[in-house]
């Protein structure tokens, strides 16, 4: 289940709102972490994929704003 969502003009992580800028910074951080071998690498990759999908889903509404 994707913990990231976009509703009513806001990104949400498990229901808590945050902005597009924060989502983009978080995605960059997750992607950088996922590129490094670590215990959390699989989790970072999965979370980056979820956030990437949420950003893609929100793109039409963001462009309209």
C-alpha atoms as a PDB file:
ATOM      1  CA  UNK A   1       0.000   0.000   0.000  1.00  0.00           C
ATOM      2  CA  UNK A   2       1.355   3.397  -0.992  1.00  0.00           C
ATOM      3  CA  UNK A   3       1.733   5.627   2.109  1.00  0.00           C
ATOM      4  CA  UNK A   4       1.943   8.694  -0.155  1.00  0.00           C
ATOM      5  CA  UNK A   5      -1.146  10.262  -1.663  1.00  0.00           C
ATOM      6  CA  UNK A   6      -2.353  13.454  -3.262  1.00  0.00           C
ATOM      7  CA  UNK A   7      -5.757  14.855  -2.327  1.00  0.00           C
ATOM      8  CA  UNK A   8      -7.368  18.276  -2.140  1.00  0.00           C
ATOM      9  CA  UNK A   9      -4.276  19.927  -3.590  1.00  0.00           C
ATOM     10  CA  UNK A  10      -1.897  18.519  -0.967  1.00  0.00           C
ATOM     11  CA  UNK A  11       0.566  15.686  -0.790  1.00  0.00           C
ATOM     12  CA  UNK A  12       0.073  13.456   2.182  1.00  0.00           C
ATOM     13  CA  UNK A  13       2.221  10.874   3.895  1.00  0.00           C
ATOM     14  CA  UNK A  14       0.041   8.601   6.000  1.00  0.00           C
ATOM     15  CA  UNK A  15      -2.495  11.400   6.207  1.00  0.00           C
ATOM     16  CA  UNK A  16      -0.072  14.180   7.192  1.00  0.00           C
ATOM     17  CA  UNK A  17       0.095  17.001   4.612  1.00  0.00           C
ATOM     18  CA  UNK A  18       3.339  18.268   3.083  1.00  0.00           C
ATOM     19  CA  UNK A  19       4.183  20.262  -0.026  1.00  0.00           C
ATOM     20  CA  UNK A  20       5.456  19.437  -3.498  1.00  0.00           C
ATOM     21  CA  UNK A  21       8.888  20.875  -2.705  1.00  0.00           C
ATOM     22  CA  UNK A  22       9.220  18.605   0.298  1.00  0.00           C
ATOM     23  CA  UNK A  23       8.064  15.611  -1.771  1.00  0.00           C
ATOM     24  CA  UNK A  24      10.664  16.335  -4.464  1.00  0.00           C
ATOM     25  CA  UNK A  25      13.466  16.751  -1.897  1.00  0.00           C
ATOM     26  CA  UNK A  26      12.397  13.562  -0.157  1.00  0.00           C
ATOM     27  CA  UNK A  27      12.381  11.681  -3.469  1.00  0.00           C
ATOM     28  CA  UNK A  28      15.908  12.897  -4.271  1.00  0.00           C
ATOM     29  CA  UNK A  29      17.073  11.803  -0.828  1.00  0.00           C
ATOM     30  CA  UNK A  30      15.429   8.372  -1.106  1.00  0.00           C
ATOM     31  CA  UNK A  31      16.909   7.821  -4.564  1.00  0.00           C
ATOM     32  CA  UNK A  32      20.379   8.769  -3.320  1.00  0.00           C
ATOM     33  CA  UNK A  33      20.032   6.459  -0.318  1.00  0.00           C
ATOM     34  CA  UNK A  34      18.718   3.637  -2.505  1.00  0.00           C
ATOM     35  CA  UNK A  35      21.824   3.886  -4.692  1.00  0.00           C
ATOM     36  CA  UNK A  36      24.063   3.079  -1.720  1.00  0.00           C
ATOM     37  CA  UNK A  37      24.355  -0.498  -0.483  1.00  0.00           C
ATOM     38  CA  UNK A  38      22.859  -0.698   2.994  1.00  0.00           C
ATOM     39  CA  UNK A  39      20.511  -2.621   5.212  1.00  0.00           C
ATOM     40  CA  UNK A  40      17.698  -0.198   4.249  1.00  0.00           C
ATOM     41  CA  UNK A  41      18.349  -0.189   0.500  1.00  0.00           C
ATOM     42  CA  UNK A  42      15.263  -2.249  -0.430  1.00  0.00           C
ATOM     43  CA  UNK A  43      13.038  -0.054   1.763  1.00  0.00           C
ATOM     44  CA  UNK A  44      14.490   3.137   0.251  1.00  0.00           C
ATOM     45  CA  UNK A  45      13.873   1.812  -3.258  1.00  0.00           C
ATOM     46  CA  UNK A  46      10.298   0.851  -2.429  1.00  0.00           C
ATOM     47  CA  UNK A  47       9.527   4.198  -0.793  1.00  0.00           C
ATOM     48  CA  UNK A  48      11.107   6.062  -3.732  1.00  0.00           C
ATOM     49  CA  UNK A  49       8.909   4.097  -6.138  1.00  0.00           C
ATOM     50  CA  UNK A  50       5.792   4.909  -4.092  1.00  0.00           C
ATOM     51  CA  UNK A  51       6.644   8.612  -3.955  1.00  0.00           C
ATOM     52  CA  UNK A  52       7.577   8.725  -7.647  1.00  0.00           C
ATOM     53  CA  UNK A  53       4.134   7.274  -8.469  1.00  0.00           C
ATOM     54  CA  UNK A  54       2.347   9.763  -6.200  1.00  0.00           C
ATOM     55  CA  UNK A  55       4.220  12.651  -7.850  1.00  0.00           C
ATOM     56  CA  UNK A  56       3.290  11.355 -11.300  1.00  0.00           C
ATOM     57  CA  UNK A  57      -0.367  11.002 -10.268  1.00  0.00           C
ATOM     58  CA  UNK A  58      -0.409  14.581  -8.974  1.00  0.00           C
ATOM     59  CA  UNK A  59       1.320  16.145 -11.975  1.00  0.00           C
ATOM     60  CA  UNK A  60      -1.854  17.149 -13.890  1.00  0.00           C
ATOM     61  CA  UNK A  61      -3.291  18.918 -10.846  1.00  0.00           C
ATOM     62  CA  UNK A  62       0.028  20.610 -10.111  1.00  0.00           C
ATOM     63  CA  UNK A  63       0.281  21.937 -13.665  1.00  0.00           C
ATOM     64  CA  UNK A  64      -3.259  23.319 -13.412  1.00  0.00           C
ATOM     65  CA  UNK A  65      -2.395  25.257 -10.236  1.00  0.00           C
END
